[in-house]
Amino acid sequence: MRGECICGAVKITIPDISEVAVCHCATCRRWGGGPLFTVDHDGKLEIEGEENISEYQSSDWAERAFCSKCGSHLFYHLKFHDHFALSAGLFQDVPLKKISQQIFIDQKPDFYELANDTPKLTGEEAFAAFEASNNEED
């Protein structure tokens, strides 16, 4: 599946995915004004226009990337695991079917609630689940 930023300067291609994850952490909400809806991908990304990507190290373990021309949010990258949480909004022509999970539910503010019935993980539970899945692959 192929997605692109608002101006089209950055195009990203990944294998087809039909589920969206949602992050409610304070940093994602500050970054985009609300929860971050993502399509998750492990491994390298196929990118056109990589020279138009700016990255910001938002923590010791992760960075966030955006288009340096239009400012579109591109992805959150866990640096030590090559895990990418790409903005679901990049993929306009893809039939994303459902929300698979919500993470950092312990940081979600009270002023909104998603109606979808999904697994809801705290930040601690999300990191533990991610570590467990990475240990299974080794």
N, C-alpha and C. Protein backbone atom coordinates (compact mmCIF):
# COMPACT_ATOMS: atom_id res chain seq x y z
N MET A 1 0.84 -1.17 0.00
CA MET A 1 0.00 0.00 0.00
C MET A 1 0.88 1.24 0.00
N ARG A 2 0.38 2.29 -0.61
CA ARG A 2 1.20 3.48 -0.81
C ARG A 2 0.48 4.70 -0.22
N GLY A 3 1.24 5.49 0.53
CA GLY A 3 0.70 6.71 1.10
C GLY A 3 1.61 7.88 0.81
N GLU A 4 1.09 9.07 1.02
CA GLU A 4 1.91 10.25 0.79
C GLU A 4 1.47 11.39 1.68
N CYS A 5 2.38 12.35 1.84
CA CYS A 5 2.10 13.55 2.63
C CYS A 5 1.13 14.45 1.86
N ILE A 6 0.74 15.56 2.46
CA ILE A 6 -0.21 16.48 1.82
C ILE A 6 0.31 16.99 0.48
N CYS A 7 1.58 17.39 0.42
CA CYS A 7 2.11 17.99 -0.81
C CYS A 7 2.63 16.96 -1.81
N GLY A 8 2.76 15.70 -1.39
CA GLY A 8 3.24 14.65 -2.29
C GLY A 8 4.74 14.54 -2.39
N ALA A 9 5.48 15.34 -1.61
CA ALA A 9 6.95 15.29 -1.68
C ALA A 9 7.51 14.01 -1.09
N VAL A 10 6.77 13.38 -0.15
CA VAL A 10 7.20 12.12 0.46
C VAL A 10 6.13 11.07 0.17
N LYS A 11 6.57 9.94 -0.37
CA LYS A 11 5.69 8.81 -0.64
C LYS A 11 6.27 7.59 0.06
N ILE A 12 5.42 6.84 0.76
CA ILE A 12 5.88 5.67 1.50
C ILE A 12 5.07 4.46 1.06
N THR A 13 5.77 3.36 0.78
CA THR A 13 5.12 2.11 0.39
C THR A 13 5.47 1.04 1.41
N ILE A 14 4.44 0.33 1.88
CA ILE A 14 4.60 -0.79 2.81
C ILE A 14 3.67 -1.91 2.37
N PRO A 15 3.87 -3.13 2.89
CA PRO A 15 2.92 -4.21 2.59
C PRO A 15 1.52 -3.84 3.07
N ASP A 16 0.51 -4.45 2.44
CA ASP A 16 -0.88 -4.17 2.81
C ASP A 16 -1.16 -4.49 4.27
N ILE A 17 -1.84 -3.56 4.92
CA ILE A 17 -2.26 -3.70 6.31
C ILE A 17 -3.69 -3.19 6.37
N SER A 18 -4.55 -3.83 7.15
CA SER A 18 -5.94 -3.40 7.19
C SER A 18 -6.35 -2.83 8.55
N GLU A 19 -5.45 -2.88 9.53
CA GLU A 19 -5.81 -2.44 10.88
C GLU A 19 -5.07 -1.17 11.27
N VAL A 20 -5.71 -0.41 12.13
CA VAL A 20 -5.17 0.85 12.62
C VAL A 20 -5.02 0.74 14.13
N ALA A 21 -3.92 1.23 14.67
CA ALA A 21 -3.72 1.32 16.11
C ALA A 21 -3.88 2.79 16.51
N VAL A 22 -4.19 3.01 17.78
CA VAL A 22 -4.39 4.37 18.27
C VAL A 22 -3.53 4.59 19.51
N CYS A 23 -2.78 5.69 19.52
CA CYS A 23 -1.97 6.03 20.68
C CYS A 23 -2.52 7.30 21.33
N HIS A 24 -2.74 7.22 22.64
CA HIS A 24 -3.29 8.34 23.40
C HIS A 24 -2.23 9.04 24.24
N CYS A 25 -0.94 8.74 24.05
CA CYS A 25 0.08 9.32 24.92
C CYS A 25 0.11 10.84 24.79
N ALA A 26 0.63 11.48 25.81
CA ALA A 26 0.66 12.95 25.85
C ALA A 26 1.48 13.52 24.69
N THR A 27 2.57 12.84 24.29
CA THR A 27 3.40 13.36 23.21
C THR A 27 2.67 13.28 21.88
N CYS A 28 2.00 12.17 21.60
CA CYS A 28 1.23 12.06 20.35
C CYS A 28 0.12 13.11 20.31
N ARG A 29 -0.55 13.31 21.45
CA ARG A 29 -1.62 14.31 21.48
C ARG A 29 -1.07 15.72 21.30
N ARG A 30 0.09 16.00 21.85
CA ARG A 30 0.70 17.32 21.65
C ARG A 30 1.14 17.47 20.20
N TRP A 31 1.63 16.38 19.60
CA TRP A 31 2.13 16.41 18.22
C TRP A 31 1.01 16.71 17.23
N GLY A 32 -0.15 16.09 17.44
CA GLY A 32 -1.20 16.22 16.43
C GLY A 32 -2.53 16.77 16.91
N GLY A 33 -2.62 17.14 18.18
CA GLY A 33 -3.86 17.72 18.68
C GLY A 33 -4.89 16.70 19.12
N GLY A 34 -4.58 15.43 19.03
CA GLY A 34 -5.49 14.36 19.42
C GLY A 34 -4.75 13.05 19.38
N PRO A 35 -5.45 11.95 19.52
CA PRO A 35 -4.76 10.66 19.46
C PRO A 35 -4.14 10.45 18.08
N LEU A 36 -3.07 9.66 18.05
CA LEU A 36 -2.41 9.35 16.78
C LEU A 36 -2.94 8.02 16.26
N PHE A 37 -3.54 8.04 15.09
CA PHE A 37 -4.03 6.84 14.41
C PHE A 37 -2.91 6.37 13.49
N THR A 38 -2.47 5.10 13.68
CA THR A 38 -1.30 4.62 12.97
C THR A 38 -1.53 3.29 12.25
N VAL A 39 -0.70 3.06 11.26
CA VAL A 39 -0.56 1.78 10.60
C VAL A 39 0.84 1.32 10.97
N ASP A 40 0.97 0.17 11.62
CA ASP A 40 2.26 -0.28 12.13
C ASP A 40 2.99 -1.16 11.12
N HIS A 41 4.32 -0.97 11.07
CA HIS A 41 5.16 -1.74 10.15
C HIS A 41 6.52 -1.98 10.81
N ASP A 42 7.00 -3.20 10.74
CA ASP A 42 8.33 -3.54 11.22
C ASP A 42 9.26 -3.75 10.04
N GLY A 43 10.44 -3.16 10.10
CA GLY A 43 11.42 -3.30 9.03
C GLY A 43 11.61 -2.00 8.27
N LYS A 44 12.33 -2.07 7.20
CA LYS A 44 12.65 -0.90 6.39
C LYS A 44 11.40 -0.39 5.67
N LEU A 45 11.40 0.90 5.40
CA LEU A 45 10.33 1.52 4.62
C LEU A 45 10.84 1.80 3.21
N GLU A 46 9.95 1.68 2.24
CA GLU A 46 10.27 2.10 0.88
C GLU A 46 9.80 3.54 0.76
N ILE A 47 10.76 4.47 0.61
CA ILE A 47 10.43 5.90 0.63
C ILE A 47 10.93 6.58 -0.64
N GLU A 48 10.05 7.39 -1.24
CA GLU A 48 10.42 8.31 -2.31
C GLU A 48 10.39 9.70 -1.70
N GLY A 49 11.41 10.49 -1.96
CA GLY A 49 11.47 11.85 -1.41
C GLY A 49 12.05 11.90 -0.02
N GLU A 50 12.91 10.94 0.31
CA GLU A 50 13.51 10.87 1.64
C GLU A 50 14.23 12.16 2.02
N GLU A 51 14.73 12.89 1.03
CA GLU A 51 15.42 14.16 1.31
C GLU A 51 14.47 15.22 1.88
N ASN A 52 13.17 14.98 1.80
CA ASN A 52 12.17 15.92 2.32
C ASN A 52 11.69 15.55 3.73
N ILE A 53 12.34 14.58 4.35
CA ILE A 53 11.94 14.15 5.69
C ILE A 53 12.82 14.80 6.74
N SER A 54 12.20 15.38 7.73
CA SER A 54 12.90 15.89 8.92
C SER A 54 12.51 15.02 10.09
N GLU A 55 13.47 14.76 10.97
CA GLU A 55 13.22 13.90 12.12
C GLU A 55 13.49 14.66 13.41
N TYR A 56 12.72 14.32 14.42
CA TYR A 56 12.86 14.91 15.74
C TYR A 56 12.97 13.78 16.76
N GLN A 57 14.04 13.75 17.52
CA GLN A 57 14.20 12.72 18.55
C GLN A 57 13.32 13.12 19.74
N SER A 58 12.19 12.43 19.90
CA SER A 58 11.21 12.79 20.93
C SER A 58 11.46 12.09 22.26
N SER A 59 12.35 11.11 22.27
CA SER A 59 12.72 10.41 23.50
C SER A 59 14.05 9.69 23.24
N ASP A 60 14.57 9.03 24.27
CA ASP A 60 15.82 8.27 24.10
C ASP A 60 15.65 7.11 23.13
N TRP A 61 14.45 6.61 22.99
CA TRP A 61 14.21 5.39 22.21
C TRP A 61 13.46 5.62 20.90
N ALA A 62 12.97 6.85 20.65
CA ALA A 62 12.14 7.04 19.47
C ALA A 62 12.35 8.41 18.83
N GLU A 63 11.97 8.46 17.55
CA GLU A 63 11.98 9.72 16.82
C GLU A 63 10.68 9.83 16.04
N ARG A 64 10.33 11.05 15.72
CA ARG A 64 9.13 11.33 14.93
C ARG A 64 9.59 12.03 13.65
N ALA A 65 8.93 11.72 12.56
CA ALA A 65 9.33 12.28 11.28
C ALA A 65 8.15 13.01 10.64
N PHE A 66 8.51 14.07 9.89
CA PHE A 66 7.49 14.86 9.21
C PHE A 66 8.07 15.37 7.90
N CYS A 67 7.18 15.73 6.99
CA CYS A 67 7.62 16.29 5.71
C CYS A 67 8.12 17.71 5.96
N SER A 68 9.33 18.00 5.52
CA SER A 68 9.91 19.33 5.73
C SER A 68 9.29 20.39 4.82
N LYS A 69 8.50 19.98 3.83
CA LYS A 69 7.85 20.94 2.94
C LYS A 69 6.45 21.33 3.43
N CYS A 70 5.62 20.33 3.78
CA CYS A 70 4.23 20.64 4.16
C CYS A 70 3.93 20.38 5.63
N GLY A 71 4.85 19.73 6.35
CA GLY A 71 4.66 19.49 7.78
C GLY A 71 3.84 18.26 8.12
N SER A 72 3.41 17.49 7.13
CA SER A 72 2.61 16.28 7.42
C SER A 72 3.35 15.35 8.36
N HIS A 73 2.64 14.81 9.33
CA HIS A 73 3.21 13.78 10.20
C HIS A 73 3.38 12.52 9.39
N LEU A 74 4.56 11.93 9.44
CA LEU A 74 4.84 10.72 8.67
C LEU A 74 4.86 9.48 9.54
N PHE A 75 5.72 9.48 10.58
CA PHE A 75 5.80 8.28 11.40
C PHE A 75 6.48 8.55 12.73
N TYR A 76 6.22 7.61 13.63
CA TYR A 76 6.91 7.48 14.91
C TYR A 76 7.78 6.25 14.73
N HIS A 77 9.06 6.33 15.08
CA HIS A 77 10.01 5.24 14.83
C HIS A 77 10.67 4.82 16.13
N LEU A 78 10.48 3.57 16.55
CA LEU A 78 11.24 3.01 17.68
C LEU A 78 12.59 2.62 17.13
N LYS A 79 13.61 3.37 17.48
CA LYS A 79 14.92 3.27 16.84
C LYS A 79 15.62 1.93 17.04
N PHE A 80 15.46 1.31 18.17
CA PHE A 80 16.21 0.08 18.45
C PHE A 80 15.51 -1.18 17.96
N HIS A 81 14.32 -1.03 17.41
CA HIS A 81 13.57 -2.21 16.96
C HIS A 81 13.15 -2.11 15.50
N ASP A 82 13.44 -0.99 14.85
CA ASP A 82 13.00 -0.76 13.47
C ASP A 82 11.50 -0.94 13.32
N HIS A 83 10.76 -0.43 14.31
CA HIS A 83 9.29 -0.44 14.28
C HIS A 83 8.82 0.96 13.91
N PHE A 84 7.91 1.04 12.95
CA PHE A 84 7.36 2.31 12.51
C PHE A 84 5.85 2.32 12.75
N ALA A 85 5.37 3.39 13.34
CA ALA A 85 3.93 3.65 13.46
C ALA A 85 3.67 4.82 12.51
N LEU A 86 3.19 4.49 11.32
CA LEU A 86 2.97 5.49 10.28
C LEU A 86 1.60 6.13 10.43
N SER A 87 1.51 7.42 10.18
CA SER A 87 0.23 8.11 10.26
C SER A 87 -0.76 7.46 9.30
N ALA A 88 -1.90 7.02 9.84
CA ALA A 88 -2.92 6.36 9.01
C ALA A 88 -3.45 7.31 7.93
N GLY A 89 -3.40 8.61 8.18
CA GLY A 89 -3.88 9.60 7.22
C GLY A 89 -3.09 9.66 5.94
N LEU A 90 -1.89 9.11 5.93
CA LEU A 90 -1.10 9.08 4.70
C LEU A 90 -1.73 8.19 3.64
N PHE A 91 -2.49 7.19 4.09
CA PHE A 91 -2.99 6.14 3.20
C PHE A 91 -4.46 6.38 2.87
N GLN A 92 -4.72 7.34 2.00
CA GLN A 92 -6.08 7.76 1.68
C GLN A 92 -6.85 6.76 0.83
N ASP A 93 -6.19 6.03 -0.03
CA ASP A 93 -6.87 5.14 -0.97
C ASP A 93 -6.79 3.68 -0.55
N VAL A 94 -6.62 3.44 0.76
CA VAL A 94 -6.46 2.09 1.27
C VAL A 94 -7.64 1.77 2.17
N PRO A 95 -8.25 0.61 2.01
CA PRO A 95 -9.41 0.26 2.84
C PRO A 95 -9.00 -0.23 4.23
N LEU A 96 -8.64 0.71 5.11
CA LEU A 96 -8.34 0.34 6.49
C LEU A 96 -9.66 -0.04 7.15
N LYS A 97 -9.71 -1.22 7.79
CA LYS A 97 -10.98 -1.79 8.19
C LYS A 97 -11.36 -1.62 9.65
N LYS A 98 -10.39 -1.64 10.56
CA LYS A 98 -10.77 -1.57 11.97
C LYS A 98 -9.61 -1.10 12.83
N ILE A 99 -9.95 -0.68 14.04
CA ILE A 99 -8.94 -0.32 15.03
C ILE A 99 -8.57 -1.60 15.77
N SER A 100 -7.28 -1.92 15.79
CA SER A 100 -6.81 -3.16 16.41
C SER A 100 -6.57 -3.02 17.90
N GLN A 101 -6.12 -1.83 18.33
CA GLN A 101 -5.85 -1.61 19.76
C GLN A 101 -5.68 -0.14 20.04
N GLN A 102 -5.80 0.20 21.31
CA GLN A 102 -5.52 1.55 21.79
C GLN A 102 -4.43 1.41 22.85
N ILE A 103 -3.40 2.25 22.75
CA ILE A 103 -2.31 2.19 23.73
C ILE A 103 -2.20 3.52 24.48
N PHE A 104 -1.51 3.45 25.61
CA PHE A 104 -1.37 4.58 26.52
C PHE A 104 -2.75 5.09 26.94
N ILE A 105 -3.65 4.14 27.16
CA ILE A 105 -5.00 4.49 27.58
C ILE A 105 -4.98 5.21 28.93
N ASP A 106 -3.93 4.97 29.71
CA ASP A 106 -3.79 5.63 31.01
C ASP A 106 -3.47 7.12 30.87
N GLN A 107 -3.09 7.57 29.67
CA GLN A 107 -2.82 8.99 29.45
C GLN A 107 -3.93 9.70 28.67
N LYS A 108 -4.98 8.94 28.29
CA LYS A 108 -6.07 9.53 27.51
C LYS A 108 -6.83 10.53 28.37
N PRO A 109 -7.07 11.74 27.86
CA PRO A 109 -7.84 12.71 28.63
C PRO A 109 -9.32 12.32 28.65
N ASP A 110 -10.06 12.90 29.56
CA ASP A 110 -11.47 12.57 29.73
C ASP A 110 -12.38 13.16 28.66
N PHE A 111 -11.92 14.12 27.87
CA PHE A 111 -12.82 14.83 26.97
C PHE A 111 -13.20 14.09 25.69
N TYR A 112 -12.64 12.91 25.46
CA TYR A 112 -13.08 12.11 24.32
C TYR A 112 -13.05 10.63 24.69
N GLU A 113 -13.81 9.84 23.94
CA GLU A 113 -13.87 8.39 24.11
C GLU A 113 -14.14 7.78 22.75
N LEU A 114 -13.31 6.82 22.32
CA LEU A 114 -13.57 6.12 21.06
C LEU A 114 -14.59 5.01 21.33
N ALA A 115 -15.56 4.87 20.46
CA ALA A 115 -16.63 3.91 20.66
C ALA A 115 -16.23 2.48 20.31
N ASN A 116 -15.14 2.31 19.55
CA ASN A 116 -14.71 0.98 19.13
C ASN A 116 -14.37 0.10 20.33
N ASP A 117 -14.79 -1.15 20.28
CA ASP A 117 -14.45 -2.12 21.32
C ASP A 117 -13.12 -2.76 20.94
N THR A 118 -12.04 -2.29 21.58
CA THR A 118 -10.70 -2.74 21.25
C THR A 118 -9.94 -3.09 22.51
N PRO A 119 -8.85 -3.85 22.39
CA PRO A 119 -7.94 -3.99 23.53
C PRO A 119 -7.39 -2.60 23.88
N LYS A 120 -7.32 -2.32 25.18
CA LYS A 120 -6.83 -1.03 25.67
C LYS A 120 -5.68 -1.29 26.62
N LEU A 121 -4.49 -0.82 26.24
CA LEU A 121 -3.29 -1.06 27.02
C LEU A 121 -2.76 0.23 27.62
N THR A 122 -2.29 0.15 28.85
CA THR A 122 -1.57 1.27 29.44
C THR A 122 -0.22 1.39 28.75
N GLY A 123 0.50 2.45 29.01
CA GLY A 123 1.84 2.59 28.44
C GLY A 123 2.75 1.46 28.85
N GLU A 124 2.71 1.09 30.13
CA GLU A 124 3.54 0.00 30.63
C GLU A 124 3.18 -1.33 29.95
N GLU A 125 1.88 -1.60 29.80
CA GLU A 125 1.45 -2.83 29.14
C GLU A 125 1.84 -2.84 27.66
N ALA A 126 1.77 -1.68 27.00
CA ALA A 126 2.13 -1.60 25.58
C ALA A 126 3.60 -1.91 25.38
N PHE A 127 4.48 -1.32 26.21
CA PHE A 127 5.91 -1.60 26.09
C PHE A 127 6.22 -3.06 26.42
N ALA A 128 5.54 -3.63 27.42
CA ALA A 128 5.76 -5.04 27.77
C ALA A 128 5.33 -5.95 26.62
N ALA A 129 4.19 -5.65 26.00
CA ALA A 129 3.72 -6.46 24.87
C ALA A 129 4.66 -6.34 23.68
N PHE A 130 5.18 -5.14 23.44
CA PHE A 130 6.11 -4.95 22.33
C PHE A 130 7.40 -5.73 22.58
N GLU A 131 7.92 -5.66 23.79
CA GLU A 131 9.14 -6.41 24.13
C GLU A 131 8.92 -7.91 24.00
N ALA A 132 7.76 -8.38 24.46
CA ALA A 132 7.46 -9.83 24.37
C ALA A 132 7.40 -10.27 22.91
N SER A 133 6.78 -9.47 22.04
CA SER A 133 6.69 -9.86 20.63
C SER A 133 8.06 -9.84 19.97
N ASN A 134 8.94 -8.92 20.36
CA ASN A 134 10.29 -8.89 19.81
C ASN A 134 11.12 -10.06 20.30
N ASN A 135 10.92 -10.50 21.53
CA ASN A 135 11.66 -11.64 22.06
C ASN A 135 11.23 -12.94 21.39
N GLU A 136 9.96 -13.03 20.97
CA GLU A 136 9.48 -14.22 20.26
C GLU A 136 10.14 -14.36 18.89
N GLU A 137 10.46 -13.21 18.26
CA GLU A 137 11.07 -13.22 16.93
C GLU A 137 12.52 -13.65 16.96
N ASP A 138 13.20 -13.47 18.12
CA ASP A 138 14.63 -13.78 18.22
C ASP A 138 14.90 -15.27 18.28
